[in-house]
């Protein structure tokens, strides 16, 4: 399995145009509001155009309460999470299976893994849970994911 951080814009043109809505507080600070349904739809559509299939949705309880039209998640498993994220998968070279965890937020940010055909589902799930842990660390406590250079 190979695991790397990358900017999904490289594989999903147009993703950089997507941003979560922000609001300015009375003290002039910008705060991230909950991701909109439109943001989820745009990200999903972009990945689907590039052959990815939505497999899982990690969603914060507050976001879940705001999203009325969960129809876009109908084929994916929906799980409560500490951050809003979308799991996509598709076939890859050499019989491998690629999985990408895309953070739903202001900056396009994703973690990627390619699984070998001989890897068990248990090994794959362990790797996906580690990716969720890494994403949680990056998105937790109001911090922003690292800037992608290049």
N, C-alpha and C. Protein backbone atom coordinates (compact mmCIF):
# COMPACT_ATOMS: atom_id res chain seq x y z
N UNK A 1 0.85 -1.17 0.00
CA UNK A 1 0.00 0.00 0.00
C UNK A 1 0.89 1.23 0.00
N UNK A 2 0.55 2.20 -0.80
CA UNK A 2 1.28 3.44 -0.75
C UNK A 2 0.34 4.52 -0.25
N UNK A 3 0.84 5.34 0.63
CA UNK A 3 0.02 6.36 1.27
C UNK A 3 0.72 7.69 1.09
N UNK A 4 0.01 8.69 0.60
CA UNK A 4 0.63 10.00 0.43
C UNK A 4 -0.42 11.09 0.53
N UNK A 5 0.04 12.24 0.94
CA UNK A 5 -0.82 13.41 0.92
C UNK A 5 -0.67 14.02 -0.46
N UNK A 6 -1.76 14.52 -1.01
CA UNK A 6 -1.64 15.21 -2.29
C UNK A 6 -2.80 16.16 -2.47
N UNK A 7 -2.64 17.01 -3.41
CA UNK A 7 -3.65 17.99 -3.76
C UNK A 7 -4.54 17.37 -4.82
N UNK A 8 -5.83 17.16 -4.55
CA UNK A 8 -6.68 16.50 -5.53
C UNK A 8 -6.89 17.31 -6.80
N UNK A 9 -6.49 18.57 -6.82
CA UNK A 9 -6.64 19.38 -8.02
C UNK A 9 -5.86 18.75 -9.16
N UNK A 10 -4.74 18.11 -8.85
CA UNK A 10 -3.92 17.49 -9.88
C UNK A 10 -4.68 16.39 -10.61
N UNK A 11 -5.56 15.65 -9.94
CA UNK A 11 -6.30 14.58 -10.57
C UNK A 11 -7.76 14.93 -10.79
N UNK A 12 -8.19 16.04 -10.22
CA UNK A 12 -9.60 16.41 -10.35
C UNK A 12 -9.70 17.89 -10.68
N UNK A 13 -9.52 18.25 -11.97
CA UNK A 13 -9.59 19.66 -12.35
C UNK A 13 -10.90 20.30 -11.90
N UNK A 14 -10.80 21.51 -11.46
CA UNK A 14 -11.98 22.24 -11.03
C UNK A 14 -12.19 22.20 -9.54
N UNK A 15 -11.53 21.27 -8.85
CA UNK A 15 -11.73 21.16 -7.41
C UNK A 15 -11.27 22.42 -6.70
N UNK A 16 -10.24 23.09 -7.25
CA UNK A 16 -9.73 24.28 -6.59
C UNK A 16 -10.73 25.43 -6.62
N UNK A 17 -11.74 25.34 -7.43
CA UNK A 17 -12.75 26.39 -7.50
C UNK A 17 -13.80 26.24 -6.42
N UNK A 18 -13.75 25.13 -5.72
CA UNK A 18 -14.75 24.84 -4.69
C UNK A 18 -14.24 25.34 -3.35
N UNK A 19 -15.05 26.11 -2.66
CA UNK A 19 -14.64 26.51 -1.32
C UNK A 19 -15.87 26.55 -0.42
N UNK A 20 -15.64 26.22 0.82
CA UNK A 20 -16.73 26.29 1.79
C UNK A 20 -17.06 27.75 2.05
N UNK A 21 -18.28 28.00 2.41
CA UNK A 21 -18.69 29.37 2.70
C UNK A 21 -18.05 29.84 3.99
N UNK A 22 -17.66 31.11 4.01
CA UNK A 22 -17.11 31.69 5.22
C UNK A 22 -17.99 32.86 5.62
N UNK A 23 -17.84 33.25 6.86
CA UNK A 23 -18.55 34.43 7.34
C UNK A 23 -17.58 35.27 8.15
N UNK A 24 -17.81 36.55 8.17
CA UNK A 24 -16.97 37.45 8.95
C UNK A 24 -17.69 37.75 10.25
N UNK A 25 -16.98 37.57 11.35
CA UNK A 25 -17.58 37.83 12.66
C UNK A 25 -17.55 39.32 12.94
N UNK A 26 -18.16 39.74 14.05
CA UNK A 26 -18.17 41.16 14.42
C UNK A 26 -16.76 41.66 14.69
N UNK A 27 -15.86 40.78 15.08
CA UNK A 27 -14.48 41.19 15.34
C UNK A 27 -13.63 41.17 14.08
N UNK A 28 -14.25 40.90 12.93
CA UNK A 28 -13.54 40.94 11.66
C UNK A 28 -12.80 39.66 11.31
N UNK A 29 -12.93 38.62 12.11
CA UNK A 29 -12.28 37.34 11.80
C UNK A 29 -13.18 36.53 10.88
N UNK A 30 -12.54 35.81 9.97
CA UNK A 30 -13.30 34.93 9.08
C UNK A 30 -13.36 33.55 9.72
N UNK A 31 -14.56 33.00 9.77
CA UNK A 31 -14.75 31.68 10.33
C UNK A 31 -15.41 30.80 9.28
N UNK A 32 -15.03 29.55 9.27
CA UNK A 32 -15.60 28.59 8.35
C UNK A 32 -16.98 28.16 8.84
N UNK A 33 -17.95 28.29 7.99
CA UNK A 33 -19.28 27.79 8.31
C UNK A 33 -19.35 26.34 7.89
N UNK A 34 -20.46 25.72 8.17
CA UNK A 34 -20.66 24.34 7.79
C UNK A 34 -20.62 24.21 6.27
N UNK A 35 -20.04 23.11 5.76
CA UNK A 35 -20.05 22.91 4.31
C UNK A 35 -21.48 22.84 3.80
N UNK A 36 -21.71 23.42 2.65
CA UNK A 36 -23.05 23.43 2.08
C UNK A 36 -23.30 22.15 1.29
N UNK A 37 -24.57 21.87 1.05
CA UNK A 37 -24.94 20.74 0.22
C UNK A 37 -24.33 20.90 -1.16
N UNK A 38 -24.30 22.12 -1.66
CA UNK A 38 -23.72 22.37 -2.98
C UNK A 38 -22.24 22.00 -3.02
N UNK A 39 -21.52 22.28 -1.95
CA UNK A 39 -20.10 21.93 -1.89
C UNK A 39 -19.93 20.42 -1.98
N UNK A 40 -20.72 19.67 -1.21
CA UNK A 40 -20.68 18.21 -1.29
C UNK A 40 -20.97 17.75 -2.72
N UNK A 41 -22.04 18.30 -3.33
CA UNK A 41 -22.42 17.89 -4.68
C UNK A 41 -21.32 18.18 -5.69
N UNK A 42 -20.68 19.34 -5.59
CA UNK A 42 -19.63 19.70 -6.53
C UNK A 42 -18.42 18.77 -6.41
N UNK A 43 -18.04 18.48 -5.19
CA UNK A 43 -16.89 17.60 -4.97
C UNK A 43 -17.20 16.20 -5.52
N UNK A 44 -18.36 15.68 -5.20
CA UNK A 44 -18.76 14.35 -5.66
C UNK A 44 -18.79 14.31 -7.19
N UNK A 45 -19.39 15.31 -7.81
CA UNK A 45 -19.49 15.34 -9.28
C UNK A 45 -18.10 15.40 -9.91
N UNK A 46 -17.21 16.18 -9.33
CA UNK A 46 -15.85 16.30 -9.88
C UNK A 46 -15.14 14.95 -9.83
N UNK A 47 -15.20 14.29 -8.71
CA UNK A 47 -14.55 12.98 -8.59
C UNK A 47 -15.19 11.95 -9.53
N UNK A 48 -16.51 11.96 -9.64
CA UNK A 48 -17.19 11.01 -10.52
C UNK A 48 -16.79 11.21 -11.98
N UNK A 49 -16.58 12.45 -12.39
CA UNK A 49 -16.12 12.72 -13.75
C UNK A 49 -14.77 12.08 -14.04
N UNK A 50 -14.02 11.82 -13.01
CA UNK A 50 -12.68 11.24 -13.16
C UNK A 50 -12.64 9.77 -12.77
N UNK A 51 -13.82 9.14 -12.75
CA UNK A 51 -13.89 7.70 -12.55
C UNK A 51 -13.93 7.21 -11.12
N UNK A 52 -14.03 8.12 -10.17
CA UNK A 52 -14.09 7.73 -8.76
C UNK A 52 -15.53 7.44 -8.37
N UNK A 53 -15.70 6.50 -7.44
CA UNK A 53 -17.02 6.16 -6.91
C UNK A 53 -17.06 6.51 -5.42
N UNK A 54 -18.10 7.22 -5.01
CA UNK A 54 -18.26 7.56 -3.61
C UNK A 54 -18.61 6.30 -2.83
N UNK A 55 -17.78 5.96 -1.82
CA UNK A 55 -17.99 4.75 -1.05
C UNK A 55 -18.50 5.02 0.36
N UNK A 56 -17.94 6.07 0.98
CA UNK A 56 -18.29 6.38 2.37
C UNK A 56 -18.34 7.88 2.56
N UNK A 57 -19.16 8.28 3.53
CA UNK A 57 -19.25 9.69 3.89
C UNK A 57 -19.03 9.79 5.39
N UNK A 58 -18.04 10.59 5.79
CA UNK A 58 -17.83 10.91 7.19
C UNK A 58 -18.42 12.30 7.39
N UNK A 59 -19.29 12.43 8.36
CA UNK A 59 -20.00 13.70 8.49
C UNK A 59 -20.17 14.07 9.96
N UNK A 60 -19.88 15.33 10.26
CA UNK A 60 -20.07 15.82 11.62
C UNK A 60 -21.56 15.92 11.90
N UNK A 61 -21.97 15.67 13.14
CA UNK A 61 -23.41 15.75 13.47
C UNK A 61 -24.03 17.10 13.08
N UNK A 62 -23.33 18.21 13.30
CA UNK A 62 -23.87 19.52 12.94
C UNK A 62 -24.12 19.63 11.43
N UNK A 63 -23.20 19.09 10.65
CA UNK A 63 -23.36 19.13 9.20
C UNK A 63 -24.53 18.25 8.78
N UNK A 64 -24.62 17.08 9.37
CA UNK A 64 -25.72 16.15 9.04
C UNK A 64 -27.06 16.83 9.26
N UNK A 65 -27.19 17.59 10.36
CA UNK A 65 -28.44 18.28 10.66
C UNK A 65 -28.76 19.35 9.63
N UNK A 66 -27.73 19.94 9.02
CA UNK A 66 -27.94 21.01 8.04
C UNK A 66 -28.28 20.47 6.64
N UNK A 67 -27.84 19.25 6.34
CA UNK A 67 -28.05 18.70 5.01
C UNK A 67 -29.38 17.96 4.95
N UNK A 68 -30.32 18.56 4.29
CA UNK A 68 -31.65 17.98 4.18
C UNK A 68 -31.68 16.91 3.10
N UNK A 69 -31.03 17.19 1.97
CA UNK A 69 -31.06 16.30 0.81
C UNK A 69 -29.89 15.32 0.85
N UNK A 70 -30.02 14.28 1.65
CA UNK A 70 -28.95 13.29 1.75
C UNK A 70 -29.01 12.29 0.60
N UNK A 71 -29.86 12.54 -0.38
CA UNK A 71 -30.00 11.66 -1.54
C UNK A 71 -28.66 11.49 -2.28
N UNK A 72 -27.81 12.50 -2.24
CA UNK A 72 -26.52 12.40 -2.93
C UNK A 72 -25.62 11.35 -2.30
N UNK A 73 -25.92 10.95 -1.08
CA UNK A 73 -25.12 9.94 -0.38
C UNK A 73 -25.76 8.55 -0.45
N UNK A 74 -26.79 8.37 -1.24
CA UNK A 74 -27.61 7.16 -1.19
C UNK A 74 -26.84 5.86 -1.39
N UNK A 75 -25.80 5.85 -2.22
CA UNK A 75 -25.06 4.62 -2.49
C UNK A 75 -23.86 4.44 -1.56
N UNK A 76 -23.61 5.40 -0.73
CA UNK A 76 -22.44 5.35 0.17
C UNK A 76 -22.89 5.12 1.60
N UNK A 77 -22.00 4.54 2.39
CA UNK A 77 -22.32 4.40 3.82
C UNK A 77 -22.04 5.73 4.51
N UNK A 78 -22.93 6.12 5.37
CA UNK A 78 -22.87 7.39 6.07
C UNK A 78 -22.49 7.12 7.52
N UNK A 79 -21.40 7.76 7.98
CA UNK A 79 -20.94 7.56 9.36
C UNK A 79 -20.67 8.91 10.00
N UNK A 80 -20.98 9.00 11.30
CA UNK A 80 -20.63 10.20 12.03
C UNK A 80 -19.12 10.30 12.11
N UNK A 81 -18.62 11.53 12.01
CA UNK A 81 -17.18 11.75 12.08
C UNK A 81 -16.86 13.02 12.82
N UNK A 82 -15.59 13.23 13.06
CA UNK A 82 -15.12 14.45 13.71
C UNK A 82 -14.79 15.53 12.69
N UNK A 83 -14.83 15.16 11.43
CA UNK A 83 -14.64 16.09 10.32
C UNK A 83 -15.54 15.63 9.18
N UNK A 84 -15.78 16.51 8.22
CA UNK A 84 -16.57 16.16 7.05
C UNK A 84 -15.60 15.66 5.98
N UNK A 85 -15.79 14.43 5.55
CA UNK A 85 -14.90 13.85 4.55
C UNK A 85 -15.64 12.88 3.65
N UNK A 86 -15.10 12.70 2.45
CA UNK A 86 -15.69 11.80 1.47
C UNK A 86 -14.65 10.77 1.06
N UNK A 87 -15.01 9.51 1.09
CA UNK A 87 -14.16 8.41 0.66
C UNK A 87 -14.54 8.02 -0.77
N UNK A 88 -13.55 8.06 -1.66
CA UNK A 88 -13.76 7.64 -3.04
C UNK A 88 -12.83 6.47 -3.35
N UNK A 89 -13.24 5.62 -4.29
CA UNK A 89 -12.40 4.50 -4.72
C UNK A 89 -12.54 4.31 -6.22
N UNK A 90 -11.48 3.73 -6.81
CA UNK A 90 -11.52 3.34 -8.23
C UNK A 90 -10.38 2.36 -8.48
N UNK A 91 -10.48 1.65 -9.58
CA UNK A 91 -9.42 0.74 -9.98
C UNK A 91 -8.18 1.52 -10.35
N UNK A 92 -7.03 0.89 -10.18
CA UNK A 92 -5.75 1.54 -10.47
C UNK A 92 -4.88 0.57 -11.27
N UNK A 93 -3.73 1.03 -11.70
CA UNK A 93 -2.81 0.22 -12.49
C UNK A 93 -2.37 -1.02 -11.74
N UNK A 94 -2.11 -2.08 -12.48
CA UNK A 94 -1.59 -3.30 -11.89
C UNK A 94 -2.58 -4.04 -11.00
N UNK A 95 -3.87 -3.81 -11.23
CA UNK A 95 -4.88 -4.50 -10.43
C UNK A 95 -5.06 -3.93 -9.04
N UNK A 96 -4.39 -2.82 -8.76
CA UNK A 96 -4.54 -2.20 -7.44
C UNK A 96 -5.87 -1.46 -7.37
N UNK A 97 -6.24 -1.11 -6.15
CA UNK A 97 -7.44 -0.31 -5.91
C UNK A 97 -7.02 0.96 -5.20
N UNK A 98 -7.40 2.10 -5.76
CA UNK A 98 -7.05 3.40 -5.19
C UNK A 98 -8.21 3.90 -4.33
N UNK A 99 -7.87 4.43 -3.16
CA UNK A 99 -8.84 5.05 -2.27
C UNK A 99 -8.34 6.44 -1.93
N UNK A 100 -9.25 7.40 -1.90
CA UNK A 100 -8.89 8.76 -1.56
C UNK A 100 -9.88 9.30 -0.54
N UNK A 101 -9.34 9.90 0.51
CA UNK A 101 -10.16 10.56 1.53
C UNK A 101 -10.05 12.05 1.30
N UNK A 102 -11.15 12.68 0.88
CA UNK A 102 -11.17 14.10 0.55
C UNK A 102 -11.83 14.86 1.69
N UNK A 103 -11.11 15.81 2.26
CA UNK A 103 -11.66 16.69 3.28
C UNK A 103 -12.66 17.64 2.61
N UNK A 104 -13.82 17.80 3.20
CA UNK A 104 -14.80 18.76 2.70
C UNK A 104 -14.56 20.04 3.48
N UNK A 105 -13.90 20.99 2.85
CA UNK A 105 -13.56 22.22 3.53
C UNK A 105 -13.10 23.28 2.56
N UNK A 106 -12.63 24.36 3.12
CA UNK A 106 -12.25 25.53 2.33
C UNK A 106 -11.11 25.21 1.37
N UNK A 107 -10.12 24.46 1.83
CA UNK A 107 -8.98 24.12 0.98
C UNK A 107 -9.10 22.69 0.48
N UNK A 108 -8.87 22.48 -0.83
CA UNK A 108 -8.90 21.10 -1.31
C UNK A 108 -7.72 20.33 -0.73
N UNK A 109 -8.00 19.25 -0.03
CA UNK A 109 -6.96 18.46 0.64
C UNK A 109 -7.43 17.03 0.70
N UNK A 110 -6.52 16.09 0.38
CA UNK A 110 -6.90 14.68 0.37
C UNK A 110 -5.72 13.81 0.75
N UNK A 111 -6.03 12.62 1.22
CA UNK A 111 -5.05 11.57 1.47
C UNK A 111 -5.37 10.43 0.51
N UNK A 112 -4.33 9.78 0.00
CA UNK A 112 -4.48 8.78 -1.04
C UNK A 112 -3.76 7.50 -0.65
N UNK A 113 -4.37 6.36 -0.97
CA UNK A 113 -3.71 5.06 -0.78
C UNK A 113 -4.05 4.17 -1.97
N UNK A 114 -3.06 3.37 -2.38
CA UNK A 114 -3.27 2.37 -3.43
C UNK A 114 -3.03 1.00 -2.80
N UNK A 115 -4.03 0.15 -2.86
CA UNK A 115 -3.95 -1.17 -2.23
C UNK A 115 -3.61 -2.23 -3.27
N UNK A 116 -2.71 -3.11 -2.91
CA UNK A 116 -2.32 -4.23 -3.77
C UNK A 116 -3.43 -5.26 -3.78
N UNK A 117 -3.58 -6.02 -4.88
CA UNK A 117 -4.66 -7.02 -4.95
C UNK A 117 -4.61 -8.06 -3.83
N UNK A 118 -3.42 -8.40 -3.35
CA UNK A 118 -3.31 -9.44 -2.33
C UNK A 118 -3.57 -8.94 -0.91
N UNK A 119 -3.73 -7.64 -0.73
CA UNK A 119 -4.01 -7.11 0.61
C UNK A 119 -5.42 -7.52 1.04
N UNK A 120 -5.54 -7.93 2.27
CA UNK A 120 -6.84 -8.35 2.80
C UNK A 120 -7.70 -7.12 3.10
N UNK A 121 -8.99 -7.34 3.22
CA UNK A 121 -9.89 -6.23 3.57
C UNK A 121 -9.55 -5.69 4.95
N UNK A 122 -9.11 -6.57 5.84
CA UNK A 122 -8.71 -6.14 7.18
C UNK A 122 -7.51 -5.19 7.11
N UNK A 123 -6.54 -5.50 6.28
CA UNK A 123 -5.37 -4.63 6.11
C UNK A 123 -5.78 -3.30 5.48
N UNK A 124 -6.67 -3.36 4.52
CA UNK A 124 -7.14 -2.13 3.86
C UNK A 124 -7.90 -1.25 4.84
N UNK A 125 -8.75 -1.87 5.64
CA UNK A 125 -9.53 -1.10 6.61
C UNK A 125 -8.63 -0.46 7.65
N UNK A 126 -7.62 -1.18 8.08
CA UNK A 126 -6.65 -0.62 9.03
C UNK A 126 -5.96 0.61 8.44
N UNK A 127 -5.59 0.55 7.17
CA UNK A 127 -4.95 1.69 6.49
C UNK A 127 -5.93 2.86 6.36
N UNK A 128 -7.19 2.55 6.03
CA UNK A 128 -8.18 3.63 5.90
C UNK A 128 -8.42 4.32 7.24
N UNK A 129 -8.46 3.53 8.32
CA UNK A 129 -8.63 4.13 9.66
C UNK A 129 -7.44 5.01 10.01
N UNK A 130 -6.24 4.61 9.63
CA UNK A 130 -5.05 5.44 9.86
C UNK A 130 -5.14 6.74 9.05
N UNK A 131 -5.65 6.66 7.84
CA UNK A 131 -5.84 7.86 7.03
C UNK A 131 -6.85 8.80 7.68
N UNK A 132 -7.93 8.24 8.23
CA UNK A 132 -8.91 9.06 8.93
C UNK A 132 -8.26 9.74 10.14
N UNK A 133 -7.42 9.00 10.84
CA UNK A 133 -6.71 9.57 11.99
C UNK A 133 -5.82 10.74 11.55
N UNK A 134 -5.08 10.56 10.46
CA UNK A 134 -4.23 11.63 9.95
C UNK A 134 -5.06 12.85 9.54
N UNK A 135 -6.19 12.60 8.88
CA UNK A 135 -7.04 13.71 8.45
C UNK A 135 -7.63 14.42 9.67
N UNK A 136 -8.02 13.66 10.68
CA UNK A 136 -8.57 14.24 11.92
C UNK A 136 -7.53 15.16 12.56
N UNK A 137 -6.28 14.73 12.58
CA UNK A 137 -5.21 15.56 13.15
C UNK A 137 -5.04 16.85 12.35
N UNK A 138 -5.15 16.76 11.04
CA UNK A 138 -4.99 17.94 10.19
C UNK A 138 -6.16 18.90 10.30
N UNK A 139 -7.36 18.36 10.48
CA UNK A 139 -8.54 19.23 10.47
C UNK A 139 -9.05 19.59 11.86
N UNK A 140 -8.47 18.98 12.90
CA UNK A 140 -8.95 19.19 14.26
C UNK A 140 -8.57 20.53 14.85
N UNK A 141 -9.25 20.89 15.89
CA UNK A 141 -8.99 22.10 16.68
C UNK A 141 -9.00 23.38 15.85
N UNK A 142 -9.79 23.38 14.78
CA UNK A 142 -9.91 24.60 13.98
C UNK A 142 -8.71 24.90 13.12
N UNK A 143 -7.73 23.99 13.08
CA UNK A 143 -6.55 24.24 12.26
C UNK A 143 -6.84 23.91 10.81
N UNK A 144 -6.11 24.53 9.94
CA UNK A 144 -6.26 24.30 8.51
C UNK A 144 -5.28 23.22 8.08
N UNK A 145 -5.63 22.43 7.07
CA UNK A 145 -4.68 21.49 6.52
C UNK A 145 -3.46 22.24 5.98
N UNK A 146 -2.32 21.57 5.83
CA UNK A 146 -1.14 22.26 5.35
C UNK A 146 -1.35 22.78 3.95
N UNK A 147 -0.71 23.89 3.65
CA UNK A 147 -0.78 24.45 2.30
C UNK A 147 -0.05 23.51 1.35
N UNK A 148 -0.59 23.33 0.16
CA UNK A 148 0.04 22.48 -0.85
C UNK A 148 0.85 23.38 -1.75
N UNK A 149 2.12 23.09 -1.84
CA UNK A 149 3.01 23.90 -2.67
C UNK A 149 3.29 23.14 -3.95
N UNK A 150 3.26 23.85 -5.06
CA UNK A 150 3.63 23.19 -6.31
C UNK A 150 2.57 23.16 -7.25
